[in-house]
Amino acid sequence: MKYNICKYLIILILIVFSKSQISNAKTENEAFVGNAEAKVIIIEYASMTCNHCATFHKEIYPEIKKNFIDTNKIKFIYRDFPLDKQALFASVLAKCAPKEKYFDFVKLILNTQKKWISNDDSFIEKLTNIGKLAGLKEDKINSCFTDEKLVDEIIKTRTLAEEKYNINSTPSFIINEKKYSAMSYENFEKIIIKLIN
């Protein structure tokens, strides 16, 4: 009962939203970094348990941030696409953070994958500890882990990605409404510069 998110994995596979629910999924209030009015918008779909996603955030994202986000040339949005129960819990933990710390939590969770991913339910305790070390209170974390509205929001984000963009792997990127899979920084740079000019 305490950690009833497990049931949502079944729902994740079986749930079917109507077309109107899909098109009305709320995305306008989501966190982003960069320039809100930028000509180039990059949306990343990632799973917190995806090692390729972690590699992107360690090796490629810092360059994109330095050259295009911090210089206000693009708007960058991170969206959850949980591939399993552990990723769903980790996504919930990131959403539990204050909005201004959301991207810090995403980075922290992805960078510490090897410390919390496990073959049993001990990952819940490990994620709780990561959240506490990052400044969240345990009762707040537990409250988030049982927040069905928060879980629904993450599932809707994933469902919208499948329906609208045909996302089926992570990381996937939507750059100005065109879909790309994982690529080198150099390829990101070419695409972004072409769209900016």
Protein backbone atom coordinates (compact mmCIF):
# COMPACT_ATOMS: atom_id res chain seq x y z
CA MET A 1 0.00 0.00 0.00
CA LYS A 2 2.77 2.44 0.96
CA TYR A 3 4.53 2.05 -2.37
CA ASN A 4 1.58 1.41 -4.65
CA ILE A 5 3.41 2.81 -7.68
CA CYS A 6 4.02 -0.80 -8.77
CA LYS A 7 0.44 -1.01 -10.00
CA TYR A 8 1.17 1.87 -12.34
CA LEU A 9 3.63 -0.20 -14.33
CA ILE A 10 0.74 -2.41 -15.36
CA ILE A 11 -1.34 0.68 -16.05
CA LEU A 12 1.59 2.12 -17.99
CA ILE A 13 1.32 -0.75 -20.43
CA LEU A 14 -2.47 -1.09 -20.49
CA ILE A 15 -3.70 2.46 -20.10
CA VAL A 16 -5.23 4.09 -23.14
CA PHE A 17 -5.88 7.80 -23.16
CA SER A 18 -8.34 9.24 -25.65
CA LYS A 19 -6.95 11.55 -28.34
CA SER A 20 -8.34 14.58 -26.51
CA GLN A 21 -6.62 13.57 -23.27
CA ILE A 22 -3.35 13.14 -25.16
CA SER A 23 -3.53 16.52 -26.87
CA ASN A 24 -4.55 18.21 -23.62
CA ALA A 25 -1.74 16.72 -21.53
CA LYS A 26 -0.31 19.65 -19.60
CA THR A 27 3.17 20.56 -20.66
CA GLU A 28 3.09 24.36 -20.59
CA ASN A 29 4.14 24.56 -16.93
CA GLU A 30 7.03 22.13 -17.13
CA ALA A 31 10.55 23.03 -16.07
CA PHE A 32 13.05 24.05 -18.70
CA VAL A 33 16.46 25.69 -18.94
CA GLY A 34 17.58 28.30 -21.44
CA ASN A 35 15.58 30.90 -23.31
CA ALA A 36 11.78 30.56 -23.12
CA GLU A 37 11.49 32.40 -26.44
CA ALA A 38 14.30 30.54 -28.23
CA LYS A 39 13.96 29.64 -31.89
CA VAL A 40 15.33 26.15 -31.15
CA ILE A 41 13.57 23.86 -28.67
CA ILE A 42 15.12 20.55 -27.64
CA ILE A 43 13.04 18.04 -25.72
CA GLU A 44 14.88 15.10 -24.20
CA TYR A 45 12.93 11.94 -23.34
CA ALA A 46 14.91 9.87 -20.85
CA SER A 47 14.59 7.07 -18.34
CA MET A 48 16.40 7.44 -15.02
CA THR A 49 17.65 3.84 -15.30
CA CYS A 50 19.00 4.25 -18.85
CA ASN A 51 22.80 4.21 -18.88
CA HIS A 52 22.89 5.92 -22.29
CA CYS A 53 20.85 8.76 -20.75
CA ALA A 54 23.36 9.01 -17.91
CA THR A 55 26.22 9.11 -20.43
CA PHE A 56 24.48 11.90 -22.36
CA HIS A 57 24.11 13.95 -19.16
CA LYS A 58 27.73 13.38 -18.12
CA GLU A 59 29.46 13.86 -21.47
CA ILE A 60 27.28 15.73 -23.97
CA TYR A 61 24.73 17.81 -22.05
CA PRO A 62 27.42 19.96 -20.30
CA GLU A 63 28.69 21.09 -23.72
CA ILE A 64 25.15 21.83 -24.94
CA LYS A 65 24.53 23.76 -21.71
CA LYS A 66 27.73 25.79 -21.97
CA ASN A 67 27.41 26.65 -25.66
CA PHE A 68 23.68 26.90 -26.24
CA ILE A 69 21.64 26.94 -23.00
CA ASP A 70 23.76 29.36 -20.94
CA THR A 71 24.04 31.65 -23.98
CA ASN A 72 20.23 31.71 -24.35
CA LYS A 73 20.28 30.22 -27.86
CA ILE A 74 17.97 27.28 -27.09
CA LYS A 75 15.23 26.12 -24.78
CA PHE A 76 15.91 22.66 -23.29
CA ILE A 77 13.14 20.54 -21.78
CA TYR A 78 13.64 17.23 -19.95
CA ARG A 79 10.71 14.79 -20.00
CA ASP A 80 10.39 11.48 -18.20
CA PHE A 81 10.05 8.25 -20.16
CA PRO A 82 10.40 5.60 -17.41
CA LEU A 83 11.31 2.17 -18.75
CA ASP A 84 10.74 0.33 -15.46
CA LYS A 85 9.54 0.63 -11.86
CA GLN A 86 12.86 1.96 -10.57
CA ALA A 87 12.92 4.71 -13.21
CA LEU A 88 9.37 5.66 -12.25
CA PHE A 89 10.32 6.07 -8.57
CA ALA A 90 13.42 8.07 -9.56
CA SER A 91 11.31 10.36 -11.77
CA VAL A 92 8.93 10.90 -8.86
CA LEU A 93 11.87 11.83 -6.62
CA ALA A 94 13.08 14.46 -9.13
CA LYS A 95 9.54 15.90 -9.42
CA CYS A 96 9.48 16.05 -5.61
CA ALA A 97 12.29 18.62 -5.62
CA PRO A 98 11.55 22.36 -5.64
CA LYS A 99 11.06 23.49 -9.26
CA GLU A 100 14.27 25.56 -9.28
CA LYS A 101 16.25 22.45 -8.23
CA TYR A 102 14.57 20.02 -10.65
CA PHE A 103 17.45 19.86 -13.15
CA ASP A 104 19.93 19.46 -10.30
CA PHE A 105 17.97 16.44 -9.09
CA VAL A 106 17.78 14.95 -12.58
CA LYS A 107 21.56 15.31 -12.86
CA LEU A 108 22.13 13.86 -9.37
CA ILE A 109 19.90 10.83 -9.96
CA LEU A 110 21.41 10.06 -13.37
CA ASN A 111 24.97 10.55 -12.11
CA THR A 112 24.42 8.17 -9.18
CA GLN A 113 22.65 5.37 -11.10
CA LYS A 114 25.17 2.72 -10.04
CA LYS A 115 24.56 3.56 -6.37
CA TRP A 116 20.78 3.14 -6.32
CA ILE A 117 19.74 0.75 -9.12
CA SER A 118 19.31 -2.72 -7.59
CA ASN A 119 17.84 -6.14 -8.25
CA ASP A 120 15.38 -5.79 -5.38
CA ASP A 121 13.25 -3.14 -3.69
CA SER A 122 16.25 -1.70 -1.82
CA PHE A 123 16.38 0.97 -4.55
CA ILE A 124 13.51 2.77 -2.76
CA GLU A 125 15.60 3.23 0.38
CA LYS A 126 18.64 4.22 -1.70
CA LEU A 127 16.65 6.85 -3.63
CA THR A 128 15.23 8.11 -0.32
CA ASN A 129 18.78 8.55 1.00
CA ILE A 130 19.83 10.42 -2.15
CA GLY A 131 16.82 12.71 -1.75
CA LYS A 132 17.68 13.34 1.92
CA LEU A 133 21.33 14.11 1.11
CA ALA A 134 20.08 16.60 -1.49
CA GLY A 135 17.97 18.38 1.11
CA LEU A 136 14.52 16.78 1.00
CA LYS A 137 12.87 15.58 4.21
CA GLU A 138 12.03 11.87 4.42
CA ASP A 139 8.32 12.47 5.02
CA LYS A 140 8.20 14.69 1.89
CA ILE A 141 9.89 11.94 -0.15
CA ASN A 142 7.51 9.27 1.17
CA SER A 143 4.57 11.54 0.42
CA CYS A 144 5.80 11.97 -3.16
CA PHE A 145 6.32 8.23 -3.60
CA THR A 146 2.64 7.68 -2.80
CA ASP A 147 1.32 10.68 -4.77
CA GLU A 148 -0.87 9.17 -7.48
CA LYS A 149 -1.34 12.54 -9.20
CA LEU A 150 2.43 12.87 -9.61
CA VAL A 151 2.65 9.34 -10.99
CA ASP A 152 -0.23 10.05 -13.39
CA GLU A 153 1.61 13.12 -14.67
CA ILE A 154 4.72 11.06 -15.44
CA ILE A 155 2.68 8.34 -17.14
CA LYS A 156 0.83 10.94 -19.23
CA THR A 157 4.17 12.40 -20.31
CA ARG A 158 5.32 8.96 -21.45
CA THR A 159 2.03 8.20 -23.18
CA LEU A 160 2.09 11.55 -24.98
CA ALA A 161 5.64 10.82 -26.17
CA GLU A 162 4.55 7.46 -27.59
CA GLU A 163 1.45 8.88 -29.25
CA LYS A 164 2.79 12.20 -30.56
CA TYR A 165 6.42 11.38 -31.39
CA ASN A 166 6.51 7.57 -31.54
CA ILE A 167 9.17 7.47 -28.80
CA ASN A 168 10.16 3.90 -27.97
CA SER A 169 13.73 4.18 -26.67
CA THR A 170 15.84 6.47 -24.53
CA PRO A 171 17.37 8.89 -24.82
CA SER A 172 15.29 10.33 -27.65
CA PHE A 173 15.32 13.97 -28.66
CA ILE A 174 12.78 16.18 -30.36
CA ILE A 175 14.51 19.18 -31.91
CA ASN A 176 12.00 21.65 -33.32
CA GLU A 177 9.47 18.83 -33.67
CA LYS A 178 11.85 16.43 -35.46
CA LYS A 179 12.85 13.18 -33.74
CA TYR A 180 16.47 12.11 -33.18
CA SER A 181 18.10 9.31 -31.21
CA ALA A 182 21.32 9.53 -29.19
CA MET A 183 24.15 11.26 -31.04
CA SER A 184 27.48 12.96 -30.53
CA TYR A 185 27.87 16.55 -29.39
CA GLU A 186 29.18 17.42 -32.84
CA ASN A 187 25.93 16.27 -34.44
CA PHE A 188 23.86 18.23 -31.92
CA GLU A 189 25.98 21.28 -32.67
CA LYS A 190 25.48 20.97 -36.46
CA ILE A 191 21.70 20.63 -36.09
CA ILE A 192 21.39 23.51 -33.61
CA ILE A 193 23.60 25.91 -35.58
CA LYS A 194 21.69 25.16 -38.78
CA LEU A 195 18.38 25.90 -37.03
CA ILE A 196 19.67 29.07 -35.38
CA ASN A 197 20.98 30.54 -38.67
